[in-house]
Amino acid sequence: MEEPREPVAPDADRGPALLTPDVEAGEVERAHESVVADSPERENANGAPATEQVVDGPPVDENGWTGATAGSGMFPELVRAHYEWERRAGHNGSHAERYRHALEAFEKREGELVHVYWATRRPSAVALTLKPRSRIAALVHDNDATIRLHRVTDWLAREHRIAELLHHCDTLAIKVSEVLRGTTERIAMQWIYAVQSHLLGYLERTDSANEKELAAVVNSQSRELIQIERYYASAGEKAARIVYFWGMMLGALVSALLAVGLAGLLWWQGWFDPPHTLDTQTFFACFFAGGLGAIVSVLMRMSSNRFRVDYEVGRSTIRRLGSFRPFIGAVFGIALYFLFHSELLRTTLPKDRATAFFFFGTLAFLAGFNERWANVLFGKAEKTIAASLGDSTRDVQDDEER
């Protein structure tokens, strides 16, 4: 029979496990507060067992216990089973069997535990899981694996500042899992895990009664969280540009198919026969030149860092927005073609029909190049963690980025 895994000391250095370069977040449950089961060691100031509850606002009793969970709903049971087994020095028996079953059930549902930090003085833990997807699911969901952050922590009421930081970590992990993919997601999630394990390790090593030391830890990890959010924002913008680009390529393909269908209809109606041949060809040249101008315009703005898109609207939304750009450019090109032929501008066109073909093609490209006039859902995502933690440099850095 397989033996349960050996527990890990709270301050032990568990080297980072290797993850595949391309991992993608699956659906992440929103962090929620919940009651953690009572521990035999917990007592209130009068020596009686403490009643655990989630508190909202300043605590009445600083020795009261509160708790929270984030991630899988099966993780609290696994943490409790491991805590009870470890308290009995890891001996085999009913507690070892319970831990083994809880671990197997958890990994079956959530994937392998690639990083885990078990607390020994409290039934608390933080962990990262990696669950590969099937090939078909990877194509549908645009990722080949799901990486998730799980947490079960409890703390004394006087440690509420650390609890707030852990909650910020959960919020940031949700954003990372929904926006980033591949290596950037792996880096950000492991970075968040490192902050949470550091905070949990501090609670393990000290009694948190030293206010000066507690404030120093909170301040240092707050700065670390702000750095993670900045990395997430930078990686999110780059990821959004890639998704937007491939959306444009998809839109260009659909526009080309639409043009082929329209050409077939016009050919059936005889518009490719003299004397309409060159006019019809010029029409389609404006269609394609306008779409190409739109693509070039977006690429130039991306290269000059003047392209902004809110990466938190979702990858599918960004992809759809990108797919419309070539079509918008094509519409601009066709509109310019009709504008000149309608003689509303009272402009003299080149008399040579071949010259007119290149004249309209050039103007259609320039018209498509101005696709930036049709901006939808462009902007920047809010840095909520920095705002909550009072980062005074956030606005200045945002202005410099613009």
Protein backbone atom coordinates (compact mmCIF):
# COMPACT_ATOMS: atom_id res chain seq x y z
CA MET A 1 0.00 0.00 0.00
CA GLU A 2 1.22 3.45 -0.89
CA GLU A 3 2.44 5.45 2.11
CA PRO A 4 1.18 9.01 2.68
CA ARG A 5 3.52 11.79 1.62
CA GLU A 6 5.93 13.15 4.14
CA PRO A 7 4.92 16.49 5.69
CA VAL A 8 7.02 19.56 4.98
CA ALA A 9 8.28 21.87 7.71
CA PRO A 10 6.76 25.34 7.60
CA ASP A 11 10.04 27.10 6.80
CA ALA A 12 11.46 24.47 4.51
CA ASP A 13 12.50 25.52 1.03
CA ARG A 14 10.58 23.48 -1.47
CA GLY A 15 12.29 24.12 -4.79
CA PRO A 16 9.92 25.12 -7.61
CA ALA A 17 8.65 22.19 -9.59
CA LEU A 18 9.06 22.33 -13.34
CA LEU A 19 5.90 23.28 -15.19
CA THR A 20 5.20 23.09 -18.86
CA PRO A 21 5.88 26.40 -20.64
CA ASP A 22 2.33 26.75 -21.91
CA VAL A 23 -0.18 26.50 -19.13
CA GLU A 24 -3.47 28.25 -19.06
CA ALA A 25 -5.84 29.06 -16.32
CA GLY A 26 -9.12 27.25 -16.08
CA GLU A 27 -12.22 28.56 -14.34
CA VAL A 28 -11.16 29.92 -10.93
CA GLU A 29 -13.70 30.16 -8.12
CA ARG A 30 -13.95 33.57 -6.52
CA ALA A 31 -12.24 33.73 -3.13
CA HIS A 32 -14.78 33.45 -0.36
CA GLU A 33 -14.71 33.61 3.39
CA SER A 34 -15.68 30.52 5.36
CA VAL A 35 -15.38 29.03 8.80
CA VAL A 36 -12.45 26.69 9.42
CA ALA A 37 -13.02 23.74 11.71
CA ASP A 38 -12.07 24.25 15.35
CA SER A 39 -8.60 23.22 16.46
CA PRO A 40 -7.97 21.67 19.90
CA GLU A 41 -5.22 24.19 20.68
CA ARG A 42 -7.39 27.27 20.17
CA GLU A 43 -8.61 28.96 23.29
CA ASN A 44 -9.89 32.43 24.01
CA ALA A 45 -8.56 34.79 26.63
CA ASN A 46 -10.55 33.01 29.39
CA GLY A 47 -9.15 29.58 28.52
CA ALA A 48 -12.39 28.29 27.03
CA PRO A 49 -12.57 26.91 23.50
CA ALA A 50 -12.91 29.74 20.99
CA THR A 51 -15.92 29.98 18.72
CA GLU A 52 -14.81 30.55 15.14
CA GLN A 53 -16.65 32.88 12.84
CA VAL A 54 -15.88 35.20 9.98
CA VAL A 55 -15.71 38.74 11.22
CA ASP A 56 -16.42 41.89 9.26
CA GLY A 57 -14.77 45.01 10.58
CA PRO A 58 -12.61 45.51 13.69
CA PRO A 59 -12.55 42.38 15.85
CA VAL A 60 -13.87 42.50 19.40
CA ASP A 61 -11.42 39.95 20.79
CA GLU A 62 -7.92 39.97 19.32
CA ASN A 63 -7.47 36.33 20.43
CA GLY A 64 -10.51 35.19 18.46
CA TRP A 65 -9.88 32.91 15.48
CA THR A 66 -11.11 33.55 11.97
CA GLY A 67 -10.46 31.71 8.74
CA ALA A 68 -10.79 31.84 4.96
CA THR A 69 -10.51 29.60 1.94
CA ALA A 70 -9.88 30.17 -1.77
CA GLY A 71 -9.74 27.81 -4.70
CA SER A 72 -11.20 24.32 -4.63
CA GLY A 73 -13.89 23.43 -2.12
CA MET A 74 -12.10 20.12 -1.53
CA PHE A 75 -8.91 21.78 -0.32
CA PRO A 76 -10.10 22.47 3.29
CA GLU A 77 -10.82 18.78 3.82
CA LEU A 78 -7.36 17.86 2.52
CA VAL A 79 -5.68 20.43 4.79
CA ARG A 80 -7.60 19.23 7.84
CA ALA A 81 -6.76 15.60 7.06
CA HIS A 82 -3.06 16.43 6.65
CA TYR A 83 -3.03 18.49 9.84
CA GLU A 84 -4.59 15.70 11.91
CA TRP A 85 -2.24 13.11 10.41
CA GLU A 86 0.84 15.26 11.02
CA ARG A 87 -0.15 15.93 14.65
CA ARG A 88 0.16 12.18 15.19
CA ALA A 89 3.75 12.19 13.89
CA GLY A 90 2.71 10.77 10.51
CA HIS A 91 1.82 7.30 11.86
CA ASN A 92 -0.32 4.98 9.78
CA GLY A 93 -3.87 4.49 10.91
CA SER A 94 -7.27 6.00 10.36
CA HIS A 95 -5.87 9.52 10.03
CA ALA A 96 -3.28 8.42 7.47
CA GLU A 97 -5.99 6.64 5.50
CA ARG A 98 -8.20 9.72 5.63
CA TYR A 99 -5.36 11.91 4.39
CA ARG A 100 -4.52 9.48 1.60
CA HIS A 101 -8.10 9.35 0.36
CA ALA A 102 -8.47 13.15 0.58
CA LEU A 103 -5.24 13.63 -1.39
CA GLU A 104 -6.27 11.17 -4.11
CA ALA A 105 -9.72 12.73 -4.47
CA PHE A 106 -8.28 16.26 -4.58
CA GLU A 107 -5.62 15.48 -7.20
CA LYS A 108 -8.13 13.54 -9.28
CA ARG A 109 -10.30 16.64 -9.52
CA GLU A 110 -7.79 19.50 -9.46
CA GLY A 111 -4.59 17.93 -10.81
CA GLU A 112 -1.14 17.32 -9.36
CA LEU A 113 0.09 19.34 -6.37
CA VAL A 114 3.18 20.94 -7.89
CA HIS A 115 3.77 23.34 -4.96
CA VAL A 116 2.39 23.02 -1.47
CA TYR A 117 3.15 24.63 1.89
CA TRP A 118 1.71 22.80 4.91
CA ALA A 119 1.49 24.67 8.19
CA THR A 120 2.23 22.62 11.30
CA ARG A 121 0.95 24.85 14.09
CA ARG A 122 -2.38 25.60 12.42
CA PRO A 123 -4.59 23.71 9.94
CA SER A 124 -3.53 25.98 7.09
CA ALA A 125 -1.87 25.55 3.71
CA VAL A 126 -1.36 27.12 0.30
CA ALA A 127 -0.86 25.10 -2.87
CA LEU A 128 -0.59 25.23 -6.65
CA THR A 129 -2.10 22.52 -8.80
CA LEU A 130 -1.57 21.73 -12.47
CA LYS A 131 -4.13 19.74 -14.43
CA PRO A 132 -3.38 18.98 -18.09
CA ARG A 133 -6.21 19.19 -20.61
CA SER A 134 -6.96 16.76 -23.39
CA ARG A 135 -5.92 17.77 -26.89
CA ILE A 136 -9.48 18.56 -27.94
CA ALA A 137 -10.14 20.61 -24.80
CA ALA A 138 -6.83 22.44 -25.27
CA LEU A 139 -7.94 23.57 -28.74
CA VAL A 140 -11.38 24.65 -27.52
CA HIS A 141 -10.16 26.50 -24.41
CA ASP A 142 -6.95 27.88 -25.95
CA ASN A 143 -4.75 26.26 -23.29
CA ASP A 144 -3.18 22.90 -22.56
CA ALA A 145 -3.37 22.91 -18.75
CA THR A 146 -5.13 24.52 -15.81
CA ILE A 147 -3.05 25.99 -13.00
CA ARG A 148 -4.88 27.02 -9.81
CA LEU A 149 -3.99 28.55 -6.48
CA HIS A 150 -5.64 27.07 -3.36
CA ARG A 151 -5.57 28.43 0.17
CA VAL A 152 -6.90 27.54 3.59
CA THR A 153 -5.68 29.85 6.34
CA ASP A 154 -6.77 30.85 9.80
CA TRP A 155 -5.39 33.58 11.98
CA LEU A 156 -5.89 35.48 15.20
CA ALA A 157 -7.97 38.61 14.87
CA ARG A 158 -4.95 40.79 15.52
CA GLU A 159 -3.38 39.38 12.34
CA HIS A 160 -6.10 40.84 10.09
CA ARG A 161 -3.56 42.84 8.02
CA ILE A 162 -1.96 39.61 6.84
CA ALA A 163 -5.43 38.26 6.10
CA GLU A 164 -6.09 41.26 3.86
CA LEU A 165 -2.85 40.64 1.95
CA LEU A 166 -3.82 36.99 1.44
CA HIS A 167 -7.17 38.14 0.09
CA HIS A 168 -5.39 40.49 -2.34
CA CYS A 169 -3.29 37.52 -3.46
CA ASP A 170 -6.46 35.54 -4.18
CA THR A 171 -7.92 38.42 -6.19
CA LEU A 172 -4.75 38.82 -8.23
CA ALA A 173 -4.57 35.06 -8.85
CA ILE A 174 -8.09 35.15 -10.32
CA LYS A 175 -7.06 37.93 -12.71
CA VAL A 176 -3.86 36.13 -13.72
CA SER A 177 -5.64 32.85 -14.39
CA GLU A 178 -8.25 34.54 -16.58
CA VAL A 179 -5.94 36.82 -18.60
CA LEU A 180 -2.44 35.32 -18.89
CA ARG A 181 -1.33 32.17 -20.65
CA GLY A 182 1.78 30.03 -20.83
CA THR A 183 5.04 31.12 -19.23
CA THR A 184 3.76 34.50 -17.98
CA GLU A 185 0.88 32.83 -16.14
CA ARG A 186 3.23 30.27 -14.62
CA ILE A 187 5.60 32.98 -13.39
CA ALA A 188 2.84 35.15 -11.93
CA MET A 189 1.04 32.28 -10.18
CA GLN A 190 4.26 30.96 -8.62
CA TRP A 191 5.15 34.50 -7.55
CA ILE A 192 1.77 34.89 -5.82
CA TYR A 193 2.23 31.48 -4.21
CA ALA A 194 5.63 32.60 -2.89
CA VAL A 195 4.04 35.64 -1.22
CA GLN A 196 1.30 33.59 0.39
CA SER A 197 3.70 30.91 1.62
CA HIS A 198 5.97 33.64 3.03
CA LEU A 199 3.07 35.17 4.96
CA LEU A 200 1.95 31.79 6.21
CA GLY A 201 5.52 31.00 7.22
CA TYR A 202 5.67 34.23 9.22
CA LEU A 203 2.53 33.21 11.11
CA GLU A 204 4.18 29.85 11.80
CA ARG A 205 7.48 31.27 13.04
CA THR A 206 6.12 34.00 15.29
CA ASP A 207 3.17 34.73 17.54
CA SER A 208 2.50 37.99 15.59
CA ALA A 209 2.45 39.95 18.85
CA ASN A 210 5.36 42.16 17.78
CA GLU A 211 3.58 45.03 16.02
CA LYS A 212 6.77 46.50 14.57
CA GLU A 213 7.83 43.20 13.02
CA LEU A 214 4.30 42.55 11.76
CA ALA A 215 4.18 45.99 10.11
CA ALA A 216 7.54 45.38 8.42
CA VAL A 217 6.35 42.06 6.97
CA VAL A 218 3.08 43.58 5.77
CA ASN A 219 4.86 46.51 4.12
CA SER A 220 7.45 44.34 2.37
CA GLN A 221 4.86 41.88 1.02
CA SER A 222 2.59 44.74 -0.02
CA ARG A 223 5.39 46.08 -2.19
CA GLU A 224 5.91 42.58 -3.56
CA LEU A 225 2.22 42.31 -4.48
CA ILE A 226 2.36 45.66 -6.26
CA GLN A 227 5.34 44.39 -8.26
CA ILE A 228 3.39 41.27 -9.21
CA GLU A 229 0.45 43.37 -10.35
CA ARG A 230 2.75 45.51 -12.49
CA TYR A 231 4.18 42.38 -14.07
CA TYR A 232 0.64 41.10 -14.64
CA ALA A 233 -0.39 44.40 -16.26
CA SER A 234 2.63 44.42 -18.58
CA ALA A 235 2.18 40.77 -19.53
CA GLY A 236 -1.57 41.31 -19.96
CA GLU A 237 -1.05 44.11 -22.45
CA LYS A 238 1.40 42.02 -24.48
CA ALA A 239 -0.94 39.02 -24.43
CA ALA A 240 -3.86 41.21 -25.53
CA ARG A 241 -1.85 42.47 -28.51
CA ILE A 242 -1.06 38.92 -29.60
CA VAL A 243 -4.71 37.88 -29.31
CA TYR A 244 -5.79 41.03 -31.16
CA PHE A 245 -3.31 40.34 -33.98
CA TRP A 246 -4.58 36.81 -34.54
CA GLY A 247 -8.10 38.17 -34.42
CA MET A 248 -7.16 40.52 -37.28
CA MET A 249 -5.76 37.61 -39.26
CA LEU A 250 -9.02 35.74 -38.75
CA GLY A 251 -10.95 38.84 -39.80
CA ALA A 252 -8.79 39.22 -42.91
CA LEU A 253 -9.56 35.63 -43.88
CA VAL A 254 -13.31 36.13 -43.38
CA SER A 255 -13.19 39.42 -45.36
CA ALA A 256 -11.37 37.65 -48.20
CA LEU A 257 -14.02 34.91 -48.28
CA LEU A 258 -16.72 37.57 -48.29
CA ALA A 259 -15.00 39.32 -51.22
CA VAL A 260 -14.80 36.05 -53.15
CA GLY A 261 -18.51 35.48 -52.61
CA LEU A 262 -19.33 39.02 -53.73
CA ALA A 263 -17.08 38.63 -56.79
CA GLY A 264 -18.94 35.46 -57.75
CA LEU A 265 -22.25 37.27 -57.49
CA LEU A 266 -21.03 40.20 -59.61
CA TRP A 267 -19.54 37.84 -62.20
CA TRP A 268 -22.88 36.08 -62.47
CA GLN A 269 -24.51 39.50 -63.06
CA GLY A 270 -21.97 40.35 -65.77
CA TRP A 271 -20.07 43.10 -63.94
CA PHE A 272 -16.72 41.60 -64.96
CA ASP A 273 -17.58 41.98 -68.64
CA PRO A 274 -16.64 45.09 -70.66
CA PRO A 275 -17.10 47.99 -70.16
CA HIS A 276 -17.35 47.38 -66.38
CA THR A 277 -14.25 45.20 -66.03
CA LEU A 278 -11.78 47.82 -64.83
CA ASP A 279 -14.32 49.54 -62.56
CA THR A 280 -15.14 46.24 -60.86
CA GLN A 281 -11.47 45.43 -60.44
CA THR A 282 -10.89 48.88 -58.94
CA PHE A 283 -13.76 48.27 -56.51
CA PHE A 284 -12.16 45.08 -55.19
CA ALA A 285 -8.74 46.73 -55.12
CA CYS A 286 -10.19 49.37 -52.79
CA PHE A 287 -11.75 46.62 -50.68
CA PHE A 288 -8.46 44.79 -50.14
CA ALA A 289 -6.32 47.95 -49.90
CA GLY A 290 -8.56 49.35 -47.17
CA GLY A 291 -8.33 46.13 -45.13
CA LEU A 292 -4.55 46.02 -45.56
CA GLY A 293 -4.29 49.67 -44.47
CA ALA A 294 -6.21 48.88 -41.28
CA ILE A 295 -3.87 45.98 -40.43
CA VAL A 296 -0.75 48.08 -41.05
CA SER A 297 -2.18 50.90 -38.91
CA VAL A 298 -2.72 48.59 -35.93
CA LEU A 299 0.73 47.01 -36.28
CA MET A 300 2.41 50.42 -36.37
CA ARG A 301 0.60 51.52 -33.22
CA MET A 302 1.58 48.28 -31.50
CA SER A 303 5.25 48.78 -32.37
CA SER A 304 5.22 52.37 -31.08
CA ASN A 305 3.48 51.39 -27.82
CA ARG A 306 0.49 53.61 -28.67
CA PHE A 307 -1.96 50.74 -28.93
CA ARG A 308 -4.16 50.35 -25.85
CA VAL A 309 -6.74 47.69 -25.19
CA ASP A 310 -8.35 46.63 -21.92
CA TYR A 311 -6.99 43.10 -21.56
CA GLU A 312 -9.47 42.28 -18.79
CA VAL A 313 -12.48 42.29 -21.13
CA GLY A 314 -11.60 38.71 -22.07
CA ARG A 315 -9.57 36.96 -24.76
CA SER A 316 -12.61 36.08 -26.90
CA THR A 317 -13.83 39.69 -26.84
CA ILE A 318 -10.39 41.01 -27.81
CA ARG A 319 -10.17 38.46 -30.61
CA ARG A 320 -13.57 39.50 -31.95
CA LEU A 321 -12.62 43.19 -31.80
CA GLY A 322 -9.47 42.44 -33.78
CA SER A 323 -11.40 40.47 -36.38
CA PHE A 324 -13.50 43.55 -37.22
CA ARG A 325 -10.50 45.77 -38.02
CA PRO A 326 -9.79 44.49 -41.58
CA PHE A 327 -13.50 44.69 -42.38
CA ILE A 328 -13.69 48.28 -41.05
CA GLY A 329 -10.70 49.23 -43.22
CA ALA A 330 -12.32 47.59 -46.25
CA VAL A 331 -15.53 49.55 -45.63
CA PHE A 332 -13.53 52.79 -45.45
CA GLY A 333 -11.84 51.93 -48.74
CA ILE A 334 -15.13 51.15 -50.51
CA ALA A 335 -16.75 54.28 -49.07
CA LEU A 336 -13.95 56.40 -50.53
CA TYR A 337 -14.37 54.70 -53.91
CA PHE A 338 -18.07 55.52 -54.01
CA LEU A 339 -17.43 59.04 -52.69
CA PHE A 340 -15.18 59.92 -55.63
CA HIS A 341 -17.46 58.31 -58.20
CA SER A 342 -20.46 60.17 -56.82
CA GLU A 343 -18.72 63.47 -57.67
CA LEU A 344 -19.68 64.96 -54.30
CA LEU A 345 -16.11 66.20 -53.87
CA ARG A 346 -16.02 67.78 -57.36
CA THR A 347 -12.55 66.26 -57.84
CA THR A 348 -11.02 65.58 -61.22
CA LEU A 349 -10.05 61.91 -61.51
CA PRO A 350 -7.16 60.65 -63.66
CA LYS A 351 -8.31 60.21 -67.21
CA ASP A 352 -6.15 57.14 -67.81
CA ARG A 353 -8.10 54.17 -66.44
CA ALA A 354 -4.93 52.31 -65.42
CA THR A 355 -3.71 55.35 -63.49
CA ALA A 356 -7.13 55.67 -61.84
CA PHE A 357 -6.80 52.07 -60.64
CA PHE A 358 -3.62 52.89 -58.67
CA PHE A 359 -5.05 56.25 -57.58
CA PHE A 360 -8.04 54.61 -55.93
CA GLY A 361 -5.94 51.81 -54.48
CA THR A 362 -3.62 54.28 -52.77
CA LEU A 363 -6.45 56.38 -51.36
CA ALA A 364 -8.28 53.26 -50.16
CA PHE A 365 -5.15 52.14 -48.28
CA LEU A 366 -4.91 55.55 -46.58
CA ALA A 367 -8.62 55.40 -45.73
CA GLY A 368 -8.21 51.98 -44.14
CA PHE A 369 -5.14 53.28 -42.32
CA ASN A 370 -7.47 55.60 -40.39
CA GLU A 371 -9.38 52.69 -38.82
CA ARG A 372 -8.30 54.13 -35.44
CA TRP A 373 -11.27 56.50 -35.70
CA ALA A 374 -13.49 53.53 -34.79
CA ASN A 375 -12.26 52.78 -31.27
CA VAL A 376 -14.29 50.37 -29.15
CA LEU A 377 -13.41 49.15 -25.63
CA PHE A 378 -9.92 50.60 -25.86
CA GLY A 379 -8.26 51.83 -22.69
CA LYS A 380 -6.38 50.44 -19.72
CA ALA A 381 -7.35 47.98 -17.01
CA GLU A 382 -7.42 49.25 -13.45
CA LYS A 383 -4.64 48.28 -11.05
CA THR A 384 -6.89 47.46 -8.10
CA ILE A 385 -4.21 45.95 -5.85
CA ALA A 386 -1.97 49.02 -6.06
CA ALA A 387 -4.96 51.25 -5.38
CA SER A 388 -6.03 49.21 -2.35
CA LEU A 389 -2.52 49.12 -0.90
CA GLY A 390 -1.98 52.84 -1.49
CA ASP A 391 0.80 52.79 -4.07
CA SER A 392 1.69 56.47 -4.43
CA THR A 393 3.75 55.89 -7.60
CA ARG A 394 0.97 54.19 -9.56
CA ASP A 395 -0.46 57.28 -11.28
CA VAL A 396 2.98 58.65 -12.14
CA GLN A 397 4.02 55.38 -13.76
CA ASP A 398 0.76 55.16 -15.68
CA ASP A 399 1.37 58.63 -17.13
CA GLU A 400 4.87 57.63 -18.17
CA GLU A 401 3.50 54.51 -19.90
CA ARG A 402 1.10 56.66 -21.92
